[in-house]
Amino acid sequence: MSNARVLMLIAAFVALTLGSFIWFIATWDADKEEPIGQLTPASIERAAV
């Protein structure tokens, strides 16, 4: 494989990764998700005791 082809594959991977992250942020609906501050790790606390 030539260096140019490897660089193009890396650039395509980075573009796909950034694009999917931007799509995730753009379509995020906070009203549909429970805030993580209200989650209780009760099962973890019981397991540690």
PDB file of N, CA and C in Angstrom:
ATOM      1  N   MET A   1       0.843  -1.173   0.000  1.00  0.00           N
ATOM      2  CA  MET A   1       0.000   0.000   0.000  1.00  0.00           C
ATOM      3  C   MET A   1       0.890   1.238   0.000  1.00  0.00           C
ATOM      4  N   SER A   2       0.513   2.201  -0.785  1.00  0.00           N
ATOM      5  CA  SER A   2       1.318   3.424  -0.847  1.00  0.00           C
ATOM      6  C   SER A   2       0.975   4.334   0.334  1.00  0.00           C
ATOM      7  N   ASN A   3       1.873   5.268   0.596  1.00  0.00           N
ATOM      8  CA  ASN A   3       1.663   6.192   1.717  1.00  0.00           C
ATOM      9  C   ASN A   3       0.413   7.042   1.514  1.00  0.00           C
ATOM     10  N   ALA A   4       0.165   7.450   0.273  1.00  0.00           N
ATOM     11  CA  ALA A   4      -1.002   8.286  -0.001  1.00  0.00           C
ATOM     12  C   ALA A   4      -2.289   7.518   0.293  1.00  0.00           C
ATOM     13  N   ARG A   5      -2.323   6.233  -0.034  1.00  0.00           N
ATOM     14  CA  ARG A   5      -3.525   5.445   0.214  1.00  0.00           C
ATOM     15  C   ARG A   5      -3.763   5.255   1.714  1.00  0.00           C
ATOM     16  N   VAL A   6      -2.698   5.026   2.452  1.00  0.00           N
ATOM     17  CA  VAL A   6      -2.818   4.877   3.904  1.00  0.00           C
ATOM     18  C   VAL A   6      -3.319   6.173   4.514  1.00  0.00           C
ATOM     19  N   LEU A   7      -2.786   7.300   4.072  1.00  0.00           N
ATOM     20  CA  LEU A   7      -3.234   8.588   4.602  1.00  0.00           C
ATOM     21  C   LEU A   7      -4.690   8.860   4.246  1.00  0.00           C
ATOM     22  N   MET A   8      -5.119   8.455   3.068  1.00  0.00           N
ATOM     23  CA  MET A   8      -6.518   8.630   2.676  1.00  0.00           C
ATOM     24  C   MET A   8      -7.434   7.759   3.539  1.00  0.00           C
ATOM     25  N   LEU A   9      -7.008   6.535   3.842  1.00  0.00           N
ATOM     26  CA  LEU A   9      -7.801   5.670   4.717  1.00  0.00           C
ATOM     27  C   LEU A   9      -7.896   6.240   6.129  1.00  0.00           C
ATOM     28  N   ILE A  10      -6.800   6.773   6.629  1.00  0.00           N
ATOM     29  CA  ILE A  10      -6.810   7.387   7.961  1.00  0.00           C
ATOM     30  C   ILE A  10      -7.714   8.612   7.959  1.00  0.00           C
ATOM     31  N   ALA A  11      -7.620   9.441   6.923  1.00  0.00           N
ATOM     32  CA  ALA A  11      -8.463  10.634   6.825  1.00  0.00           C
ATOM     33  C   ALA A  11      -9.936  10.251   6.733  1.00  0.00           C
ATOM     34  N   ALA A  12     -10.256   9.193   5.995  1.00  0.00           N
ATOM     35  CA  ALA A  12     -11.641   8.750   5.887  1.00  0.00           C
ATOM     36  C   ALA A  12     -12.155   8.258   7.231  1.00  0.00           C
ATOM     37  N   PHE A  13     -11.334   7.534   7.969  1.00  0.00           N
ATOM     38  CA  PHE A  13     -11.731   7.051   9.287  1.00  0.00           C
ATOM     39  C   PHE A  13     -11.979   8.215  10.238  1.00  0.00           C
ATOM     40  N   VAL A  14     -11.093   9.191  10.251  1.00  0.00           N
ATOM     41  CA  VAL A  14     -11.252  10.356  11.126  1.00  0.00           C
ATOM     42  C   VAL A  14     -12.507  11.130  10.747  1.00  0.00           C
ATOM     43  N   ALA A  15     -12.735  11.319   9.449  1.00  0.00           N
ATOM     44  CA  ALA A  15     -13.925  12.045   8.996  1.00  0.00           C
ATOM     45  C   ALA A  15     -15.201  11.308   9.400  1.00  0.00           C
ATOM     46  N   LEU A  16     -15.213   9.999   9.266  1.00  0.00           N
ATOM     47  CA  LEU A  16     -16.379   9.209   9.653  1.00  0.00           C
ATOM     48  C   LEU A  16     -16.616   9.286  11.161  1.00  0.00           C
ATOM     49  N   THR A  17     -15.552   9.202  11.941  1.00  0.00           N
ATOM     50  CA  THR A  17     -15.672   9.268  13.395  1.00  0.00           C
ATOM     51  C   THR A  17     -16.176  10.633  13.840  1.00  0.00           C
ATOM     52  N   LEU A  18     -15.585  11.695  13.312  1.00  0.00           N
ATOM     53  CA  LEU A  18     -16.030  13.042  13.681  1.00  0.00           C
ATOM     54  C   LEU A  18     -17.451  13.303  13.196  1.00  0.00           C
ATOM     55  N   GLY A  19     -17.765  12.839  12.012  1.00  0.00           N
ATOM     56  CA  GLY A  19     -19.107  13.025  11.486  1.00  0.00           C
ATOM     57  C   GLY A  19     -20.158  12.334  12.330  1.00  0.00           C
ATOM     58  N   SER A  20     -19.872  11.118  12.770  1.00  0.00           N
ATOM     59  CA  SER A  20     -20.844  10.406  13.600  1.00  0.00           C
ATOM     60  C   SER A  20     -20.982  11.061  14.970  1.00  0.00           C
ATOM     61  N   PHE A  21     -19.893  11.601  15.507  1.00  0.00           N
ATOM     62  CA  PHE A  21     -19.966  12.300  16.792  1.00  0.00           C
ATOM     63  C   PHE A  21     -20.786  13.578  16.652  1.00  0.00           C
ATOM     64  N   ILE A  22     -20.566  14.329  15.588  1.00  0.00           N
ATOM     65  CA  ILE A  22     -21.335  15.558  15.366  1.00  0.00           C
ATOM     66  C   ILE A  22     -22.813  15.229  15.165  1.00  0.00           C
ATOM     67  N   TRP A  23     -23.110  14.154  14.449  1.00  0.00           N
ATOM     68  CA  TRP A  23     -24.506  13.731  14.265  1.00  0.00           C
ATOM     69  C   TRP A  23     -25.136  13.355  15.603  1.00  0.00           C
ATOM     70  N   PHE A  24     -24.394  12.664  16.457  1.00  0.00           N
ATOM     71  CA  PHE A  24     -24.885  12.278  17.776  1.00  0.00           C
ATOM     72  C   PHE A  24     -25.223  13.512  18.606  1.00  0.00           C
ATOM     73  N   ILE A  25     -24.342  14.500  18.614  1.00  0.00           N
ATOM     74  CA  ILE A  25     -24.578  15.720  19.382  1.00  0.00           C
ATOM     75  C   ILE A  25     -25.747  16.511  18.793  1.00  0.00           C
ATOM     76  N   ALA A  26     -25.814  16.585  17.472  1.00  0.00           N
ATOM     77  CA  ALA A  26     -26.862  17.375  16.821  1.00  0.00           C
ATOM     78  C   ALA A  26     -28.249  16.778  17.041  1.00  0.00           C
ATOM     79  N   THR A  27     -28.351  15.467  17.173  1.00  0.00           N
ATOM     80  CA  THR A  27     -29.653  14.829  17.316  1.00  0.00           C
ATOM     81  C   THR A  27     -29.969  14.453  18.765  1.00  0.00           C
ATOM     82  N   TRP A  28     -29.140  14.870  19.708  1.00  0.00           N
ATOM     83  CA  TRP A  28     -29.337  14.540  21.119  1.00  0.00           C
ATOM     84  C   TRP A  28     -30.592  15.224  21.646  1.00  0.00           C
ATOM     85  N   ASP A  29     -31.417  14.495  22.357  1.00  0.00           N
ATOM     86  CA  ASP A  29     -32.611  15.052  22.982  1.00  0.00           C
ATOM     87  C   ASP A  29     -32.512  14.807  24.483  1.00  0.00           C
ATOM     88  N   ALA A  30     -32.175  15.848  25.207  1.00  0.00           N
ATOM     89  CA  ALA A  30     -31.965  15.715  26.651  1.00  0.00           C
ATOM     90  C   ALA A  30     -33.238  15.346  27.390  1.00  0.00           C
ATOM     91  N   ASP A  31     -34.393  15.683  26.833  1.00  0.00           N
ATOM     92  CA  ASP A  31     -35.653  15.368  27.512  1.00  0.00           C
ATOM     93  C   ASP A  31     -35.946  13.873  27.527  1.00  0.00           C
ATOM     94  N   LYS A  32     -35.355  13.119  26.621  1.00  0.00           N
ATOM     95  CA  LYS A  32     -35.604  11.675  26.554  1.00  0.00           C
ATOM     96  C   LYS A  32     -34.667  10.868  27.450  1.00  0.00           C
ATOM     97  N   GLU A  33     -33.636  11.501  27.977  1.00  0.00           N
ATOM     98  CA  GLU A  33     -32.637  10.792  28.767  1.00  0.00           C
ATOM     99  C   GLU A  33     -32.704  11.202  30.230  1.00  0.00           C
ATOM    100  N   GLU A  34     -32.441  10.261  31.107  1.00  0.00           N
ATOM    101  CA  GLU A  34     -32.381  10.541  32.534  1.00  0.00           C
ATOM    102  C   GLU A  34     -31.011  11.134  32.868  1.00  0.00           C
ATOM    103  N   PRO A  35     -30.973  12.223  33.629  1.00  0.00           N
ATOM    104  CA  PRO A  35     -29.675  12.804  33.989  1.00  0.00           C
ATOM    105  C   PRO A  35     -28.830  11.820  34.799  1.00  0.00           C
ATOM    106  N   ILE A  36     -27.544  11.777  34.529  1.00  0.00           N
ATOM    107  CA  ILE A  36     -26.694  10.819  35.234  1.00  0.00           C
ATOM    108  C   ILE A  36     -26.478  11.215  36.687  1.00  0.00           C
ATOM    109  N   GLY A  37     -26.744  12.462  37.028  1.00  0.00           N
ATOM    110  CA  GLY A  37     -26.619  12.899  38.411  1.00  0.00           C
ATOM    111  C   GLY A  37     -27.672  12.291  39.311  1.00  0.00           C
ATOM    112  N   GLN A  38     -28.766  11.807  38.735  1.00  0.00           N
ATOM    113  CA  GLN A  38     -29.847  11.226  39.525  1.00  0.00           C
ATOM    114  C   GLN A  38     -29.770   9.707  39.585  1.00  0.00           C
ATOM    115  N   LEU A  39     -28.811   9.117  38.940  1.00  0.00           N
ATOM    116  CA  LEU A  39     -28.663   7.668  38.993  1.00  0.00           C
ATOM    117  C   LEU A  39     -28.004   7.286  40.313  1.00  0.00           C
ATOM    118  N   THR A  40     -28.484   6.242  40.925  1.00  0.00           N
ATOM    119  CA  THR A  40     -27.907   5.810  42.197  1.00  0.00           C
ATOM    120  C   THR A  40     -27.191   4.479  42.003  1.00  0.00           C
ATOM    121  N   PRO A  41     -25.961   4.397  42.416  1.00  0.00           N
ATOM    122  CA  PRO A  41     -25.208   3.142  42.283  1.00  0.00           C
ATOM    123  C   PRO A  41     -25.460   2.202  43.459  1.00  0.00           C
ATOM    124  N   ALA A  42     -26.714   1.908  43.746  1.00  0.00           N
ATOM    125  CA  ALA A  42     -27.064   1.101  44.915  1.00  0.00           C
ATOM    126  C   ALA A  42     -26.488  -0.299  44.826  1.00  0.00           C
ATOM    127  N   SER A  43     -26.529  -0.921  43.648  1.00  0.00           N
ATOM    128  CA  SER A  43     -26.030  -2.288  43.551  1.00  0.00           C
ATOM    129  C   SER A  43     -24.519  -2.334  43.739  1.00  0.00           C
ATOM    130  N   ILE A  44     -23.825  -1.308  43.332  1.00  0.00           N
ATOM    131  CA  ILE A  44     -22.365  -1.276  43.523  1.00  0.00           C
ATOM    132  C   ILE A  44     -22.045  -1.090  44.994  1.00  0.00           C
ATOM    133  N   GLU A  45     -22.784  -0.224  45.668  1.00  0.00           N
ATOM    134  CA  GLU A  45     -22.535   0.005  47.095  1.00  0.00           C
ATOM    135  C   GLU A  45     -22.791  -1.268  47.915  1.00  0.00           C
ATOM    136  N   ARG A  46     -23.843  -1.985  47.581  1.00  0.00           N
ATOM    137  CA  ARG A  46     -24.134  -3.216  48.311  1.00  0.00           C
ATOM    138  C   ARG A  46     -23.073  -4.278  48.061  1.00  0.00           C
ATOM    139  N   ALA A  47     -22.545  -4.323  46.870  1.00  0.00           N
ATOM    140  CA  ALA A  47     -21.539  -5.319  46.551  1.00  0.00           C
ATOM    141  C   ALA A  47     -20.228  -5.028  47.257  1.00  0.00           C
ATOM    142  N   ALA A  48     -19.929  -3.750  47.505  1.00  0.00           N
ATOM    143  CA  ALA A  48     -18.666  -3.388  48.139  1.00  0.00           C
ATOM    144  C   ALA A  48     -18.700  -3.591  49.644  1.00  0.00           C
ATOM    145  N   VAL A  49     -19.883  -3.627  50.230  1.00  0.00           N
ATOM    146  CA  VAL A  49     -19.984  -3.734  51.697  1.00  0.00           C
ATOM    147  C   VAL A  49     -19.888  -5.161  52.130  1.00  0.00           C
TER     148      VAL A  49
END
